[in-house]
Amino acid sequence: VDVTMPGRPVDAGRLHVITQTTRDILRAF
């Protein structure tokens, strides 16, 4: 393996849209 080569991109997980919205609501209060 050529360690100088860039690695393959890894798809990062993300928060569900309802979780995002819930956190925004809780932050506001």
PDB file of all heavy atoms in Angstrom:
ATOM      1  N   VAL A   1       0.856  -1.183   0.000  1.00  0.00           N
ATOM      2  CA  VAL A   1       0.000   0.000   0.000  1.00  0.00           C
ATOM      3  C   VAL A   1       0.889   1.229   0.000  1.00  0.00           C
ATOM      4  O   VAL A   1       1.798   1.357   0.830  1.00  0.00           O
ATOM      5  CB  VAL A   1      -0.925   0.015   1.235  1.00  0.00           C
ATOM      6  CG1 VAL A   1      -1.732   1.295   1.282  1.00  0.00           C
ATOM      7  CG2 VAL A   1      -1.835  -1.200   1.230  1.00  0.00           C
ATOM      8  N   ASP A   2       0.607   2.105  -0.927  1.00  0.00           N
ATOM      9  CA  ASP A   2       1.347   3.360  -0.973  1.00  0.00           C
ATOM     10  C   ASP A   2       0.739   4.306   0.053  1.00  0.00           C
ATOM     11  O   ASP A   2      -0.337   4.869  -0.157  1.00  0.00           O
ATOM     12  CB  ASP A   2       1.268   3.956  -2.390  1.00  0.00           C
ATOM     13  CG  ASP A   2       2.102   5.225  -2.515  1.00  0.00           C
ATOM     14  OD1 ASP A   2       2.664   5.672  -1.488  1.00  0.00           O
ATOM     15  OD2 ASP A   2       2.182   5.776  -3.631  1.00  0.00           O
ATOM     16  N   VAL A   3       1.420   4.450   1.186  1.00  0.00           N
ATOM     17  CA  VAL A   3       0.869   5.264   2.269  1.00  0.00           C
ATOM     18  C   VAL A   3       0.852   6.743   1.927  1.00  0.00           C
ATOM     19  O   VAL A   3       0.261   7.549   2.653  1.00  0.00           O
ATOM     20  CB  VAL A   3       1.662   5.029   3.569  1.00  0.00           C
ATOM     21  CG1 VAL A   3       1.501   3.600   4.041  1.00  0.00           C
ATOM     22  CG2 VAL A   3       3.130   5.387   3.391  1.00  0.00           C
ATOM     23  N   THR A   4       1.497   7.125   0.849  1.00  0.00           N
ATOM     24  CA  THR A   4       1.484   8.533   0.460  1.00  0.00           C
ATOM     25  C   THR A   4       0.252   8.883  -0.358  1.00  0.00           C
ATOM     26  O   THR A   4      -0.043  10.056  -0.570  1.00  0.00           O
ATOM     27  CB  THR A   4       2.745   8.880  -0.350  1.00  0.00           C
ATOM     28  OG1 THR A   4       2.732   8.147  -1.590  1.00  0.00           O
ATOM     29  CG2 THR A   4       4.008   8.530   0.421  1.00  0.00           C
ATOM     30  N   MET A   5      -0.493   7.844  -0.826  1.00  0.00           N
ATOM     31  CA  MET A   5      -1.703   8.106  -1.599  1.00  0.00           C
ATOM     32  C   MET A   5      -2.837   8.509  -0.667  1.00  0.00           C
ATOM     33  O   MET A   5      -2.923   8.028   0.465  1.00  0.00           O
ATOM     34  CB  MET A   5      -2.122   6.863  -2.389  1.00  0.00           C
ATOM     35  CG  MET A   5      -1.168   6.466  -3.497  1.00  0.00           C
ATOM     36  SD  MET A   5      -1.748   4.986  -4.355  1.00  0.00           S
ATOM     37  CE  MET A   5      -3.285   5.571  -5.044  1.00  0.00           C
ATOM     38  N   PRO A   6      -3.708   9.392  -1.116  1.00  0.00           N
ATOM     39  CA  PRO A   6      -4.866   9.761  -0.286  1.00  0.00           C
ATOM     40  C   PRO A   6      -5.798   8.571  -0.113  1.00  0.00           C
ATOM     41  O   PRO A   6      -5.967   7.761  -1.034  1.00  0.00           O
ATOM     42  CB  PRO A   6      -5.533  10.893  -1.083  1.00  0.00           C
ATOM     43  CG  PRO A   6      -5.081  10.682  -2.492  1.00  0.00           C
ATOM     44  CD  PRO A   6      -3.687  10.117  -2.413  1.00  0.00           C
ATOM     45  N   GLY A   7      -6.410   8.432   1.083  1.00  0.00           N
ATOM     46  CA  GLY A   7      -7.316   7.326   1.329  1.00  0.00           C
ATOM     47  C   GLY A   7      -8.652   7.510   0.645  1.00  0.00           C
ATOM     48  O   GLY A   7      -9.005   8.597   0.184  1.00  0.00           O
ATOM     49  N   ARG A   8      -9.378   6.411   0.560  1.00  0.00           N
ATOM     50  CA  ARG A   8     -10.725   6.479  -0.009  1.00  0.00           C
ATOM     51  C   ARG A   8     -11.629   7.258   0.945  1.00  0.00           C
ATOM     52  O   ARG A   8     -11.557   7.068   2.158  1.00  0.00           O
ATOM     53  CB  ARG A   8     -11.290   5.084  -0.236  1.00  0.00           C
ATOM     54  CG  ARG A   8     -10.546   4.272  -1.295  1.00  0.00           C
ATOM     55  CD  ARG A   8     -11.323   3.001  -1.609  1.00  0.00           C
ATOM     56  NE  ARG A   8     -10.642   2.199  -2.621  1.00  0.00           N
ATOM     57  CZ  ARG A   8      -9.843   1.178  -2.354  1.00  0.00           C
ATOM     58  NH1 ARG A   8      -9.610   0.853  -1.088  1.00  0.00           N
ATOM     59  NH2 ARG A   8      -9.269   0.487  -3.318  1.00  0.00           N
ATOM     60  N   PRO A   9     -12.486   8.114   0.429  1.00  0.00           N
ATOM     61  CA  PRO A   9     -13.374   8.875   1.324  1.00  0.00           C
ATOM     62  C   PRO A   9     -14.355   7.959   2.040  1.00  0.00           C
ATOM     63  O   PRO A   9     -14.874   7.004   1.455  1.00  0.00           O
ATOM     64  CB  PRO A   9     -14.101   9.834   0.367  1.00  0.00           C
ATOM     65  CG  PRO A   9     -14.011   9.174  -0.976  1.00  0.00           C
ATOM     66  CD  PRO A   9     -12.699   8.439  -0.992  1.00  0.00           C
ATOM     67  N   VAL A  10     -14.593   8.225   3.299  1.00  0.00           N
ATOM     68  CA  VAL A  10     -15.527   7.450   4.111  1.00  0.00           C
ATOM     69  C   VAL A  10     -16.795   8.276   4.300  1.00  0.00           C
ATOM     70  O   VAL A  10     -16.740   9.425   4.736  1.00  0.00           O
ATOM     71  CB  VAL A  10     -14.913   7.105   5.482  1.00  0.00           C
ATOM     72  CG1 VAL A  10     -15.920   6.354   6.340  1.00  0.00           C
ATOM     73  CG2 VAL A  10     -13.641   6.289   5.304  1.00  0.00           C
ATOM     74  N   ASP A  11     -17.921   7.687   3.956  1.00  0.00           N
ATOM     75  CA  ASP A  11     -19.195   8.381   4.129  1.00  0.00           C
ATOM     76  C   ASP A  11     -19.486   8.533   5.619  1.00  0.00           C
ATOM     77  O   ASP A  11     -19.577   7.536   6.354  1.00  0.00           O
ATOM     78  CB  ASP A  11     -20.332   7.607   3.451  1.00  0.00           C
ATOM     79  CG  ASP A  11     -20.221   7.643   1.933  1.00  0.00           C
ATOM     80  OD1 ASP A  11     -19.592   8.586   1.430  1.00  0.00           O
ATOM     81  OD2 ASP A  11     -20.733   6.723   1.268  1.00  0.00           O
ATOM     82  N   ALA A  12     -19.605   9.746   6.067  1.00  0.00           N
ATOM     83  CA  ALA A  12     -19.896  10.011   7.479  1.00  0.00           C
ATOM     84  C   ALA A  12     -21.395   9.920   7.736  1.00  0.00           C
ATOM     85  O   ALA A  12     -22.207  10.276   6.881  1.00  0.00           O
ATOM     86  CB  ALA A  12     -19.382  11.393   7.864  1.00  0.00           C
ATOM     87  N   GLY A  13     -21.744   9.412   8.900  1.00  0.00           N
ATOM     88  CA  GLY A  13     -23.153   9.399   9.276  1.00  0.00           C
ATOM     89  C   GLY A  13     -23.630  10.805   9.613  1.00  0.00           C
ATOM     90  O   GLY A  13     -22.831  11.731   9.756  1.00  0.00           O
ATOM     91  N   ARG A  14     -24.914  10.949   9.729  1.00  0.00           N
ATOM     92  CA  ARG A  14     -25.465  12.265  10.052  1.00  0.00           C
ATOM     93  C   ARG A  14     -26.723  12.086  10.896  1.00  0.00           C
ATOM     94  O   ARG A  14     -27.299  10.996  10.942  1.00  0.00           O
ATOM     95  CB  ARG A  14     -25.771  13.039   8.774  1.00  0.00           C
ATOM     96  CG  ARG A  14     -26.884  12.424   7.912  1.00  0.00           C
ATOM     97  CD  ARG A  14     -26.932  13.080   6.553  1.00  0.00           C
ATOM     98  NE  ARG A  14     -25.791  12.691   5.743  1.00  0.00           N
ATOM     99  CZ  ARG A  14     -25.442  13.317   4.619  1.00  0.00           C
ATOM    100  NH1 ARG A  14     -26.112  14.363   4.212  1.00  0.00           N
ATOM    101  NH2 ARG A  14     -24.407  12.892   3.910  1.00  0.00           N
ATOM    102  N   LEU A  15     -27.108  13.136  11.545  1.00  0.00           N
ATOM    103  CA  LEU A  15     -28.304  13.086  12.381  1.00  0.00           C
ATOM    104  C   LEU A  15     -29.557  13.089  11.520  1.00  0.00           C
ATOM    105  O   LEU A  15     -29.628  13.769  10.497  1.00  0.00           O
ATOM    106  CB  LEU A  15     -28.333  14.293  13.329  1.00  0.00           C
ATOM    107  CG  LEU A  15     -27.222  14.354  14.383  1.00  0.00           C
ATOM    108  CD1 LEU A  15     -27.327  15.655  15.163  1.00  0.00           C
ATOM    109  CD2 LEU A  15     -27.297  13.165  15.318  1.00  0.00           C
ATOM    110  N   HIS A  16     -30.546  12.315  11.949  1.00  0.00           N
ATOM    111  CA  HIS A  16     -31.845  12.308  11.276  1.00  0.00           C
ATOM    112  C   HIS A  16     -32.449  13.705  11.358  1.00  0.00           C
ATOM    113  O   HIS A  16     -32.221  14.459  12.317  1.00  0.00           O
ATOM    114  CB  HIS A  16     -32.755  11.292  11.964  1.00  0.00           C
ATOM    115  CG  HIS A  16     -34.003  10.973  11.204  1.00  0.00           C
ATOM    116  ND1 HIS A  16     -35.104  11.788  11.241  1.00  0.00           N
ATOM    117  CD2 HIS A  16     -34.319   9.941  10.391  1.00  0.00           C
ATOM    118  CE1 HIS A  16     -36.062  11.257  10.499  1.00  0.00           C
ATOM    119  NE2 HIS A  16     -35.607  10.127   9.972  1.00  0.00           N
ATOM    120  N   VAL A  17     -33.213  14.074  10.337  1.00  0.00           N
ATOM    121  CA  VAL A  17     -33.786  15.418  10.279  1.00  0.00           C
ATOM    122  C   VAL A  17     -34.668  15.709  11.497  1.00  0.00           C
ATOM    123  O   VAL A  17     -34.701  16.843  11.992  1.00  0.00           O
ATOM    124  CB  VAL A  17     -34.577  15.613   8.964  1.00  0.00           C
ATOM    125  CG1 VAL A  17     -35.688  14.589   8.815  1.00  0.00           C
ATOM    126  CG2 VAL A  17     -35.130  17.022   8.880  1.00  0.00           C
ATOM    127  N   ILE A  18     -35.365  14.688  12.035  1.00  0.00           N
ATOM    128  CA  ILE A  18     -36.185  14.907  13.224  1.00  0.00           C
ATOM    129  C   ILE A  18     -35.297  15.147  14.442  1.00  0.00           C
ATOM    130  O   ILE A  18     -35.604  15.985  15.297  1.00  0.00           O
ATOM    131  CB  ILE A  18     -37.131  13.723  13.465  1.00  0.00           C
ATOM    132  CG1 ILE A  18     -38.117  13.590  12.293  1.00  0.00           C
ATOM    133  CG2 ILE A  18     -37.915  13.913  14.766  1.00  0.00           C
ATOM    134  CD1 ILE A  18     -38.920  14.842  12.009  1.00  0.00           C
ATOM    135  N   THR A  19     -34.189  14.444  14.523  1.00  0.00           N
ATOM    136  CA  THR A  19     -33.246  14.679  15.620  1.00  0.00           C
ATOM    137  C   THR A  19     -32.673  16.094  15.530  1.00  0.00           C
ATOM    138  O   THR A  19     -32.544  16.795  16.541  1.00  0.00           O
ATOM    139  CB  THR A  19     -32.119  13.647  15.584  1.00  0.00           C
ATOM    140  OG1 THR A  19     -32.672  12.334  15.673  1.00  0.00           O
ATOM    141  CG2 THR A  19     -31.154  13.851  16.748  1.00  0.00           C
ATOM    142  N   GLN A  20     -32.324  16.513  14.322  1.00  0.00           N
ATOM    143  CA  GLN A  20     -31.814  17.874  14.142  1.00  0.00           C
ATOM    144  C   GLN A  20     -32.849  18.904  14.597  1.00  0.00           C
ATOM    145  O   GLN A  20     -32.524  19.865  15.320  1.00  0.00           O
ATOM    146  CB  GLN A  20     -31.465  18.111  12.669  1.00  0.00           C
ATOM    147  CG  GLN A  20     -30.344  17.252  12.129  1.00  0.00           C
ATOM    148  CD  GLN A  20     -30.100  17.519  10.656  1.00  0.00           C
ATOM    149  OE1 GLN A  20     -30.236  18.640  10.183  1.00  0.00           O
ATOM    150  NE2 GLN A  20     -29.750  16.485   9.918  1.00  0.00           N
ATOM    151  N   THR A  21     -34.091  18.714  14.166  1.00  0.00           N
ATOM    152  CA  THR A  21     -35.153  19.657  14.515  1.00  0.00           C
ATOM    153  C   THR A  21     -35.408  19.665  16.020  1.00  0.00           C
ATOM    154  O   THR A  21     -35.573  20.733  16.632  1.00  0.00           O
ATOM    155  CB  THR A  21     -36.451  19.290  13.770  1.00  0.00           C
ATOM    156  OG1 THR A  21     -36.198  19.273  12.358  1.00  0.00           O
ATOM    157  CG2 THR A  21     -37.552  20.284  14.071  1.00  0.00           C
ATOM    158  N   THR A  22     -35.424  18.469  16.622  1.00  0.00           N
ATOM    159  CA  THR A  22     -35.634  18.377  18.068  1.00  0.00           C
ATOM    160  C   THR A  22     -34.540  19.123  18.821  1.00  0.00           C
ATOM    161  O   THR A  22     -34.808  19.861  19.781  1.00  0.00           O
ATOM    162  CB  THR A  22     -35.665  16.902  18.503  1.00  0.00           C
ATOM    163  OG1 THR A  22     -36.770  16.247  17.871  1.00  0.00           O
ATOM    164  CG2 THR A  22     -35.806  16.777  20.008  1.00  0.00           C
ATOM    165  N   ARG A  23     -33.305  18.965  18.391  1.00  0.00           N
ATOM    166  CA  ARG A  23     -32.200  19.660  19.068  1.00  0.00           C
ATOM    167  C   ARG A  23     -32.327  21.177  18.911  1.00  0.00           C
ATOM    168  O   ARG A  23     -32.022  21.921  19.855  1.00  0.00           O
ATOM    169  CB  ARG A  23     -30.863  19.168  18.507  1.00  0.00           C
ATOM    170  CG  ARG A  23     -30.541  17.726  18.896  1.00  0.00           C
ATOM    171  CD  ARG A  23     -29.119  17.349  18.532  1.00  0.00           C
ATOM    172  NE  ARG A  23     -28.798  16.015  19.001  1.00  0.00           N
ATOM    173  CZ  ARG A  23     -27.577  15.482  18.948  1.00  0.00           C
ATOM    174  NH1 ARG A  23     -26.570  16.173  18.434  1.00  0.00           N
ATOM    175  NH2 ARG A  23     -27.357  14.254  19.400  1.00  0.00           N
ATOM    176  N   ASP A  24     -32.760  21.621  17.756  1.00  0.00           N
ATOM    177  CA  ASP A  24     -32.944  23.069  17.570  1.00  0.00           C
ATOM    178  C   ASP A  24     -34.029  23.599  18.507  1.00  0.00           C
ATOM    179  O   ASP A  24     -33.896  24.692  19.085  1.00  0.00           O
ATOM    180  CB  ASP A  24     -33.316  23.370  16.119  1.00  0.00           C
ATOM    181  CG  ASP A  24     -32.153  23.135  15.158  1.00  0.00           C
ATOM    182  OD1 ASP A  24     -30.998  23.080  15.626  1.00  0.00           O
ATOM    183  OD2 ASP A  24     -32.405  23.011  13.940  1.00  0.00           O
ATOM    184  N   ILE A  25     -35.117  22.836  18.646  1.00  0.00           N
ATOM    185  CA  ILE A  25     -36.214  23.261  19.525  1.00  0.00           C
ATOM    186  C   ILE A  25     -35.745  23.299  20.980  1.00  0.00           C
ATOM    187  O   ILE A  25     -35.987  24.269  21.704  1.00  0.00           O
ATOM    188  CB  ILE A  25     -37.418  22.311  19.367  1.00  0.00           C
ATOM    189  CG1 ILE A  25     -38.012  22.437  17.953  1.00  0.00           C
ATOM    190  CG2 ILE A  25     -38.480  22.600  20.425  1.00  0.00           C
ATOM    191  CD1 ILE A  25     -39.064  21.388  17.629  1.00  0.00           C
ATOM    192  N   LEU A  26     -35.056  22.246  21.402  1.00  0.00           N
ATOM    193  CA  LEU A  26     -34.580  22.201  22.782  1.00  0.00           C
ATOM    194  C   LEU A  26     -33.588  23.323  23.058  1.00  0.00           C
ATOM    195  O   LEU A  26     -33.601  23.927  24.136  1.00  0.00           O
ATOM    196  CB  LEU A  26     -33.933  20.841  23.070  1.00  0.00           C
ATOM    197  CG  LEU A  26     -34.851  19.618  22.971  1.00  0.00           C
ATOM    198  CD1 LEU A  26     -34.082  18.357  23.348  1.00  0.00           C
ATOM    199  CD2 LEU A  26     -36.071  19.766  23.856  1.00  0.00           C
ATOM    200  N   ARG A  27     -32.746  23.617  22.082  1.00  0.00           N
ATOM    201  CA  ARG A  27     -31.765  24.694  22.263  1.00  0.00           C
ATOM    202  C   ARG A  27     -32.474  26.033  22.460  1.00  0.00           C
ATOM    203  O   ARG A  27     -32.070  26.849  23.297  1.00  0.00           O
ATOM    204  CB  ARG A  27     -30.835  24.746  21.050  1.00  0.00           C
ATOM    205  CG  ARG A  27     -29.663  25.725  21.217  1.00  0.00           C
ATOM    206  CD  ARG A  27     -28.770  25.729  19.989  1.00  0.00           C
ATOM    207  NE  ARG A  27     -28.260  24.394  19.726  1.00  0.00           N
ATOM    208  CZ  ARG A  27     -28.602  23.643  18.678  1.00  0.00           C
ATOM    209  NH1 ARG A  27     -29.473  24.113  17.791  1.00  0.00           N
ATOM    210  NH2 ARG A  27     -28.103  22.445  18.508  1.00  0.00           N
ATOM    211  N   ALA A  28     -33.544  26.262  21.680  1.00  0.00           N
ATOM    212  CA  ALA A  28     -34.275  27.522  21.792  1.00  0.00           C
ATOM    213  C   ALA A  28     -34.859  27.696  23.194  1.00  0.00           C
ATOM    214  O   ALA A  28     -34.813  28.782  23.772  1.00  0.00           O
ATOM    215  CB  ALA A  28     -35.383  27.577  20.736  1.00  0.00           C
ATOM    216  N   PHE A  29     -35.395  26.615  23.772  1.00  0.00           N
ATOM    217  CA  PHE A  29     -35.996  26.729  25.101  1.00  0.00           C
ATOM    218  C   PHE A  29     -34.939  26.717  26.209  1.00  0.00           C
ATOM    219  O   PHE A  29     -35.127  27.361  27.251  1.00  0.00           O
ATOM    220  CB  PHE A  29     -37.016  25.620  25.315  1.00  0.00           C
ATOM    221  CG  PHE A  29     -38.320  25.880  24.615  1.00  0.00           C
ATOM    222  CD1 PHE A  29     -38.688  25.159  23.487  1.00  0.00           C
ATOM    223  CD2 PHE A  29     -39.178  26.860  25.080  1.00  0.00           C
ATOM    224  CE1 PHE A  29     -39.876  25.412  22.843  1.00  0.00           C
ATOM    225  CE2 PHE A  29     -40.381  27.117  24.436  1.00  0.00           C
ATOM    226  CZ  PHE A  29     -40.723  26.406  23.304  1.00  0.00           C
TER     227      PHE A  29
END
